[in-house]
Amino acid sequence: MFKVELNGKTYKVEKVTAKALREIGAAQAVFKRWQENPDAADMKKDMDALVGWFCTFCGNQFTADEYYDHYPADRAITDIGLAIAAVNAQVTHVLESFPTSGDSKKKAPSPTLFGRFTGFISKKVGRRTK
């Protein structure tokens, strides 16, 4: 289950339906075309295809107009790409919420005592000469 927040409302998506998988082709085609020929982008048409699919992906709980009016523009394409990738990889269960934070500074997990110890050992082993 994941959630989508738009305009102060939270929409919960219990599962991604087979319909979202069936309808993914147009959205995939947009990303493929953008990769192959970025100059050929027709933003209005392409965004309509992406947003239409994202609405289907979220169970049509909100309209494309609600998405356009309330979704942060700096996360729109990235988040739809993330959703497409999750459906393609069949890992939608790892999705938590949209819009994503966009925080590129992920906090690295602090090493455990065991991790420090094995790291120390591997450094020692790496210095051995025969």
N, C-alpha and C. Protein backbone atom coordinates (compact mmCIF):
# COMPACT_ATOMS: atom_id res chain seq x y z
N MET A 1 0.84 -1.18 0.00
CA MET A 1 0.00 0.00 0.00
C MET A 1 0.89 1.25 0.00
N PHE A 2 0.48 2.25 -0.75
CA PHE A 2 1.17 3.52 -0.73
C PHE A 2 0.13 4.62 -0.73
N LYS A 3 0.59 5.83 -0.51
CA LYS A 3 -0.33 6.97 -0.46
C LYS A 3 0.14 8.06 -1.39
N VAL A 4 -0.81 8.87 -1.81
CA VAL A 4 -0.54 10.03 -2.65
C VAL A 4 -1.20 11.23 -1.97
N GLU A 5 -0.43 12.30 -1.79
CA GLU A 5 -0.97 13.51 -1.18
C GLU A 5 -1.11 14.59 -2.24
N LEU A 6 -2.33 15.08 -2.39
CA LEU A 6 -2.63 16.17 -3.31
C LEU A 6 -3.56 17.15 -2.63
N ASN A 7 -3.19 18.40 -2.63
CA ASN A 7 -4.05 19.46 -2.13
C ASN A 7 -4.57 19.17 -0.72
N GLY A 8 -3.71 18.65 0.13
CA GLY A 8 -4.09 18.38 1.51
C GLY A 8 -4.90 17.10 1.71
N LYS A 9 -5.19 16.39 0.65
CA LYS A 9 -5.93 15.13 0.74
C LYS A 9 -4.95 13.98 0.56
N THR A 10 -5.19 12.90 1.30
CA THR A 10 -4.35 11.71 1.17
C THR A 10 -5.17 10.60 0.56
N TYR A 11 -4.66 10.06 -0.54
CA TYR A 11 -5.32 8.95 -1.24
C TYR A 11 -4.49 7.70 -0.97
N LYS A 12 -5.14 6.67 -0.49
CA LYS A 12 -4.45 5.41 -0.22
C LYS A 12 -4.71 4.43 -1.36
N VAL A 13 -3.63 3.82 -1.82
CA VAL A 13 -3.73 2.83 -2.89
C VAL A 13 -3.36 1.49 -2.27
N GLU A 14 -4.35 0.63 -2.14
CA GLU A 14 -4.14 -0.67 -1.51
C GLU A 14 -3.33 -1.61 -2.39
N LYS A 15 -3.59 -1.57 -3.69
CA LYS A 15 -2.85 -2.43 -4.62
C LYS A 15 -2.85 -1.79 -5.99
N VAL A 16 -1.86 -2.16 -6.77
CA VAL A 16 -1.80 -1.71 -8.16
C VAL A 16 -2.53 -2.77 -8.97
N THR A 17 -3.50 -2.34 -9.74
CA THR A 17 -4.33 -3.28 -10.47
C THR A 17 -3.70 -3.70 -11.80
N ALA A 18 -4.22 -4.78 -12.34
CA ALA A 18 -3.77 -5.26 -13.65
C ALA A 18 -4.06 -4.23 -14.74
N LYS A 19 -5.07 -3.40 -14.53
CA LYS A 19 -5.38 -2.36 -15.49
C LYS A 19 -4.21 -1.39 -15.64
N ALA A 20 -3.54 -1.08 -14.54
CA ALA A 20 -2.37 -0.19 -14.61
C ALA A 20 -1.26 -0.85 -15.43
N LEU A 21 -1.10 -2.14 -15.30
CA LEU A 21 -0.11 -2.86 -16.09
C LEU A 21 -0.51 -2.86 -17.57
N ARG A 22 -1.77 -3.09 -17.83
CA ARG A 22 -2.28 -3.11 -19.21
C ARG A 22 -2.10 -1.77 -19.90
N GLU A 23 -2.29 -0.69 -19.18
CA GLU A 23 -2.27 0.67 -19.75
C GLU A 23 -0.88 1.32 -19.74
N ILE A 24 0.14 0.61 -19.32
CA ILE A 24 1.46 1.21 -19.13
C ILE A 24 2.18 1.54 -20.44
N GLY A 25 1.78 0.96 -21.53
CA GLY A 25 2.49 1.11 -22.81
C GLY A 25 2.71 2.53 -23.27
N ALA A 26 1.70 3.36 -23.22
CA ALA A 26 1.83 4.75 -23.69
C ALA A 26 2.83 5.52 -22.84
N ALA A 27 2.80 5.30 -21.53
CA ALA A 27 3.73 6.00 -20.64
C ALA A 27 5.16 5.52 -20.89
N GLN A 28 5.34 4.23 -21.09
CA GLN A 28 6.67 3.70 -21.40
C GLN A 28 7.19 4.28 -22.72
N ALA A 29 6.31 4.38 -23.69
CA ALA A 29 6.69 4.91 -25.01
C ALA A 29 7.19 6.35 -24.90
N VAL A 30 6.58 7.13 -24.02
CA VAL A 30 7.01 8.52 -23.83
C VAL A 30 8.44 8.55 -23.31
N PHE A 31 8.72 7.79 -22.27
CA PHE A 31 10.08 7.79 -21.71
C PHE A 31 11.10 7.27 -22.72
N LYS A 32 10.73 6.26 -23.48
CA LYS A 32 11.64 5.72 -24.49
C LYS A 32 11.94 6.78 -25.56
N ARG A 33 10.90 7.45 -26.02
CA ARG A 33 11.08 8.49 -27.03
C ARG A 33 11.95 9.62 -26.50
N TRP A 34 11.74 10.01 -25.24
CA TRP A 34 12.54 11.08 -24.64
C TRP A 34 14.01 10.69 -24.56
N GLN A 35 14.28 9.42 -24.30
CA GLN A 35 15.67 8.96 -24.23
C GLN A 35 16.32 8.94 -25.61
N GLU A 36 15.57 8.48 -26.59
CA GLU A 36 16.12 8.35 -27.93
C GLU A 36 16.25 9.69 -28.66
N ASN A 37 15.28 10.57 -28.46
CA ASN A 37 15.28 11.85 -29.15
C ASN A 37 14.62 12.92 -28.28
N PRO A 38 15.38 13.50 -27.36
CA PRO A 38 14.80 14.49 -26.44
C PRO A 38 14.16 15.68 -27.13
N ASP A 39 14.62 16.02 -28.32
CA ASP A 39 14.07 17.17 -29.04
C ASP A 39 12.68 16.91 -29.59
N ALA A 40 12.28 15.65 -29.64
CA ALA A 40 10.96 15.30 -30.20
C ALA A 40 9.85 15.35 -29.15
N ALA A 41 10.15 15.85 -27.98
CA ALA A 41 9.15 15.88 -26.91
C ALA A 41 8.02 16.85 -27.24
N ASP A 42 6.81 16.37 -27.10
CA ASP A 42 5.61 17.20 -27.19
C ASP A 42 5.05 17.21 -25.76
N MET A 43 5.50 18.18 -24.96
CA MET A 43 5.23 18.14 -23.53
C MET A 43 3.75 18.01 -23.17
N LYS A 44 2.88 18.71 -23.85
CA LYS A 44 1.46 18.62 -23.52
C LYS A 44 0.94 17.20 -23.76
N LYS A 45 1.20 16.69 -24.94
CA LYS A 45 0.72 15.35 -25.28
C LYS A 45 1.40 14.28 -24.42
N ASP A 46 2.71 14.42 -24.25
CA ASP A 46 3.45 13.43 -23.47
C ASP A 46 3.04 13.45 -22.00
N MET A 47 2.92 14.63 -21.43
CA MET A 47 2.49 14.72 -20.03
C MET A 47 1.08 14.18 -19.85
N ASP A 48 0.21 14.41 -20.81
CA ASP A 48 -1.14 13.86 -20.71
C ASP A 48 -1.11 12.33 -20.66
N ALA A 49 -0.24 11.72 -21.46
CA ALA A 49 -0.10 10.26 -21.44
C ALA A 49 0.44 9.78 -20.10
N LEU A 50 1.47 10.47 -19.59
CA LEU A 50 2.07 10.08 -18.31
C LEU A 50 1.10 10.26 -17.14
N VAL A 51 0.47 11.42 -17.09
CA VAL A 51 -0.44 11.71 -15.98
C VAL A 51 -1.68 10.82 -16.04
N GLY A 52 -2.17 10.58 -17.25
CA GLY A 52 -3.31 9.67 -17.39
C GLY A 52 -2.99 8.29 -16.84
N TRP A 53 -1.79 7.80 -17.16
CA TRP A 53 -1.40 6.49 -16.64
C TRP A 53 -1.24 6.53 -15.12
N PHE A 54 -0.63 7.61 -14.60
CA PHE A 54 -0.42 7.71 -13.15
C PHE A 54 -1.76 7.71 -12.41
N CYS A 55 -2.74 8.38 -12.98
CA CYS A 55 -4.08 8.37 -12.37
C CYS A 55 -4.64 6.94 -12.34
N THR A 56 -4.47 6.20 -13.44
CA THR A 56 -4.90 4.80 -13.48
C THR A 56 -4.14 3.99 -12.45
N PHE A 57 -2.83 4.21 -12.37
CA PHE A 57 -1.96 3.53 -11.42
C PHE A 57 -2.46 3.73 -9.98
N CYS A 58 -3.00 4.92 -9.72
CA CYS A 58 -3.49 5.24 -8.37
C CYS A 58 -4.98 4.95 -8.21
N GLY A 59 -5.55 4.16 -9.09
CA GLY A 59 -6.94 3.76 -8.96
C GLY A 59 -7.94 4.83 -9.35
N ASN A 60 -7.53 5.80 -10.14
CA ASN A 60 -8.41 6.90 -10.57
C ASN A 60 -9.11 7.58 -9.40
N GLN A 61 -8.39 7.74 -8.31
CA GLN A 61 -8.96 8.41 -7.13
C GLN A 61 -8.92 9.92 -7.27
N PHE A 62 -8.16 10.41 -8.23
CA PHE A 62 -8.10 11.85 -8.51
C PHE A 62 -8.01 12.00 -10.02
N THR A 63 -8.33 13.19 -10.48
CA THR A 63 -8.33 13.44 -11.92
C THR A 63 -6.98 13.98 -12.38
N ALA A 64 -6.79 13.99 -13.68
CA ALA A 64 -5.58 14.57 -14.25
C ALA A 64 -5.49 16.05 -13.90
N ASP A 65 -6.63 16.76 -13.92
CA ASP A 65 -6.61 18.18 -13.56
C ASP A 65 -6.18 18.38 -12.12
N GLU A 66 -6.63 17.54 -11.20
CA GLU A 66 -6.19 17.65 -9.81
C GLU A 66 -4.69 17.41 -9.70
N TYR A 67 -4.20 16.45 -10.48
CA TYR A 67 -2.76 16.18 -10.50
C TYR A 67 -2.02 17.42 -10.99
N TYR A 68 -2.43 17.95 -12.14
CA TYR A 68 -1.75 19.12 -12.71
C TYR A 68 -1.81 20.33 -11.78
N ASP A 69 -2.92 20.51 -11.09
CA ASP A 69 -3.08 21.67 -10.23
C ASP A 69 -2.32 21.57 -8.91
N HIS A 70 -2.05 20.35 -8.43
CA HIS A 70 -1.53 20.22 -7.07
C HIS A 70 -0.26 19.41 -6.91
N TYR A 71 0.18 18.73 -7.93
CA TYR A 71 1.40 17.92 -7.80
C TYR A 71 2.60 18.81 -8.04
N PRO A 72 3.68 18.69 -7.24
CA PRO A 72 4.85 19.55 -7.44
C PRO A 72 5.54 19.23 -8.77
N ALA A 73 5.74 20.23 -9.58
CA ALA A 73 6.30 20.05 -10.92
C ALA A 73 7.68 19.43 -10.90
N ASP A 74 8.47 19.75 -9.88
CA ASP A 74 9.83 19.21 -9.84
C ASP A 74 9.89 17.72 -9.51
N ARG A 75 8.78 17.13 -9.13
CA ARG A 75 8.73 15.69 -8.82
C ARG A 75 7.86 14.92 -9.82
N ALA A 76 7.12 15.60 -10.65
CA ALA A 76 6.12 14.97 -11.50
C ALA A 76 6.69 13.88 -12.40
N ILE A 77 7.63 14.20 -13.23
CA ILE A 77 8.16 13.23 -14.19
C ILE A 77 8.96 12.14 -13.48
N THR A 78 9.76 12.54 -12.50
CA THR A 78 10.56 11.57 -11.75
C THR A 78 9.68 10.56 -11.05
N ASP A 79 8.62 11.02 -10.39
CA ASP A 79 7.75 10.11 -9.66
C ASP A 79 6.98 9.16 -10.58
N ILE A 80 6.55 9.66 -11.72
CA ILE A 80 5.87 8.78 -12.68
C ILE A 80 6.86 7.74 -13.19
N GLY A 81 8.09 8.16 -13.46
CA GLY A 81 9.12 7.21 -13.87
C GLY A 81 9.37 6.15 -12.81
N LEU A 82 9.39 6.55 -11.55
CA LEU A 82 9.55 5.62 -10.44
C LEU A 82 8.40 4.62 -10.40
N ALA A 83 7.19 5.11 -10.58
CA ALA A 83 6.02 4.23 -10.57
C ALA A 83 6.07 3.23 -11.73
N ILE A 84 6.47 3.70 -12.91
CA ILE A 84 6.60 2.80 -14.07
C ILE A 84 7.64 1.73 -13.79
N ALA A 85 8.78 2.13 -13.25
CA ALA A 85 9.84 1.18 -12.95
C ALA A 85 9.38 0.14 -11.93
N ALA A 86 8.63 0.57 -10.93
CA ALA A 86 8.14 -0.36 -9.91
C ALA A 86 7.17 -1.38 -10.50
N VAL A 87 6.30 -0.93 -11.40
CA VAL A 87 5.35 -1.85 -12.04
C VAL A 87 6.12 -2.82 -12.95
N ASN A 88 7.07 -2.30 -13.72
CA ASN A 88 7.84 -3.16 -14.61
C ASN A 88 8.62 -4.22 -13.85
N ALA A 89 9.17 -3.85 -12.71
CA ALA A 89 9.97 -4.78 -11.92
C ALA A 89 9.13 -5.62 -10.96
N GLN A 90 7.84 -5.36 -10.95
CA GLN A 90 6.90 -6.06 -10.07
C GLN A 90 7.27 -5.90 -8.60
N VAL A 91 7.64 -4.66 -8.24
CA VAL A 91 8.01 -4.37 -6.86
C VAL A 91 7.21 -3.19 -6.30
N THR A 92 5.95 -3.10 -6.68
CA THR A 92 5.14 -1.97 -6.21
C THR A 92 4.97 -2.00 -4.69
N HIS A 93 5.22 -3.14 -4.06
CA HIS A 93 5.08 -3.23 -2.62
C HIS A 93 6.10 -2.37 -1.87
N VAL A 94 7.16 -1.93 -2.53
CA VAL A 94 8.16 -1.10 -1.86
C VAL A 94 7.82 0.38 -1.90
N LEU A 95 6.82 0.77 -2.67
CA LEU A 95 6.44 2.18 -2.76
C LEU A 95 5.79 2.61 -1.46
N GLU A 96 6.10 3.84 -1.03
CA GLU A 96 5.54 4.34 0.22
C GLU A 96 4.62 5.53 0.02
N SER A 97 5.13 6.56 -0.65
CA SER A 97 4.29 7.75 -0.80
C SER A 97 4.75 8.60 -1.98
N PHE A 98 3.79 9.33 -2.52
CA PHE A 98 4.01 10.30 -3.58
C PHE A 98 3.39 11.60 -3.14
N PRO A 99 3.93 12.75 -3.46
CA PRO A 99 5.20 12.96 -4.14
C PRO A 99 6.35 12.49 -3.26
N THR A 100 7.41 12.03 -3.92
CA THR A 100 8.59 11.64 -3.19
C THR A 100 9.30 12.89 -2.70
N SER A 101 10.20 12.71 -1.77
CA SER A 101 10.84 13.87 -1.15
C SER A 101 11.81 14.59 -2.07
N GLY A 102 12.46 13.84 -2.94
CA GLY A 102 13.43 14.48 -3.82
C GLY A 102 14.72 14.81 -3.12
N ASP A 103 14.88 14.36 -1.88
CA ASP A 103 16.09 14.63 -1.11
C ASP A 103 17.18 13.68 -1.58
N SER A 104 18.14 14.23 -2.31
CA SER A 104 19.20 13.39 -2.86
C SER A 104 20.25 13.04 -1.82
N LYS A 105 20.19 13.66 -0.68
CA LYS A 105 21.15 13.36 0.38
C LYS A 105 20.58 12.29 1.30
N LYS A 106 20.84 11.06 0.95
CA LYS A 106 20.37 9.94 1.76
C LYS A 106 21.34 9.76 2.92
N LYS A 107 20.81 9.53 4.07
CA LYS A 107 21.65 9.31 5.23
C LYS A 107 22.20 7.89 5.16
N ALA A 108 23.51 7.79 5.15
CA ALA A 108 24.14 6.48 5.10
C ALA A 108 23.99 5.80 6.45
N PRO A 109 23.70 4.51 6.43
CA PRO A 109 23.56 3.82 7.71
C PRO A 109 24.91 3.80 8.43
N SER A 110 24.85 4.02 9.73
CA SER A 110 26.10 4.00 10.48
C SER A 110 26.57 2.56 10.61
N PRO A 111 27.87 2.36 10.49
CA PRO A 111 28.39 1.01 10.53
C PRO A 111 28.21 0.39 11.91
N THR A 112 27.92 -0.89 11.92
CA THR A 112 27.78 -1.61 13.18
C THR A 112 29.16 -2.00 13.67
N LEU A 113 29.23 -2.46 14.88
CA LEU A 113 30.51 -2.90 15.42
C LEU A 113 31.06 -4.04 14.56
N PHE A 114 30.19 -4.97 14.16
CA PHE A 114 30.63 -6.08 13.32
C PHE A 114 31.14 -5.56 11.98
N GLY A 115 30.43 -4.60 11.40
CA GLY A 115 30.85 -4.03 10.12
C GLY A 115 32.19 -3.33 10.23
N ARG A 116 32.41 -2.62 11.33
CA ARG A 116 33.71 -1.97 11.53
C ARG A 116 34.81 -3.02 11.66
N PHE A 117 34.50 -4.09 12.40
CA PHE A 117 35.49 -5.14 12.62
C PHE A 117 35.85 -5.84 11.31
N THR A 118 34.84 -6.23 10.52
CA THR A 118 35.12 -6.92 9.26
C THR A 118 35.81 -5.98 8.28
N GLY A 119 35.49 -4.70 8.31
CA GLY A 119 36.17 -3.73 7.47
C GLY A 119 37.63 -3.60 7.85
N PHE A 120 37.91 -3.61 9.17
CA PHE A 120 39.28 -3.54 9.66
C PHE A 120 40.05 -4.78 9.20
N ILE A 121 39.44 -5.96 9.32
CA ILE A 121 40.09 -7.21 8.91
C ILE A 121 40.38 -7.19 7.42
N SER A 122 39.40 -6.76 6.61
CA SER A 122 39.61 -6.77 5.16
C SER A 122 40.72 -5.80 4.76
N LYS A 123 40.87 -4.70 5.48
CA LYS A 123 41.96 -3.77 5.19
C LYS A 123 43.30 -4.40 5.53
N LYS A 124 43.35 -5.14 6.66
CA LYS A 124 44.58 -5.80 7.05
C LYS A 124 44.96 -6.87 6.02
N VAL A 125 44.00 -7.66 5.57
CA VAL A 125 44.24 -8.71 4.60
C VAL A 125 44.72 -8.12 3.28
N GLY A 126 44.19 -6.98 2.90
CA GLY A 126 44.57 -6.33 1.66
C GLY A 126 46.01 -5.84 1.65
N ARG A 127 46.60 -5.64 2.81
CA ARG A 127 47.98 -5.14 2.86
C ARG A 127 49.02 -6.24 2.86
N ARG A 128 48.60 -7.48 2.98
CA ARG A 128 49.55 -8.58 3.00
C ARG A 128 50.25 -8.71 1.67
N THR A 129 51.52 -9.01 1.72
CA THR A 129 52.29 -9.28 0.52
C THR A 129 52.88 -10.67 0.62
N LYS A 130 53.06 -11.30 -0.52
CA LYS A 130 53.60 -12.67 -0.52
C LYS A 130 55.01 -12.67 -0.99
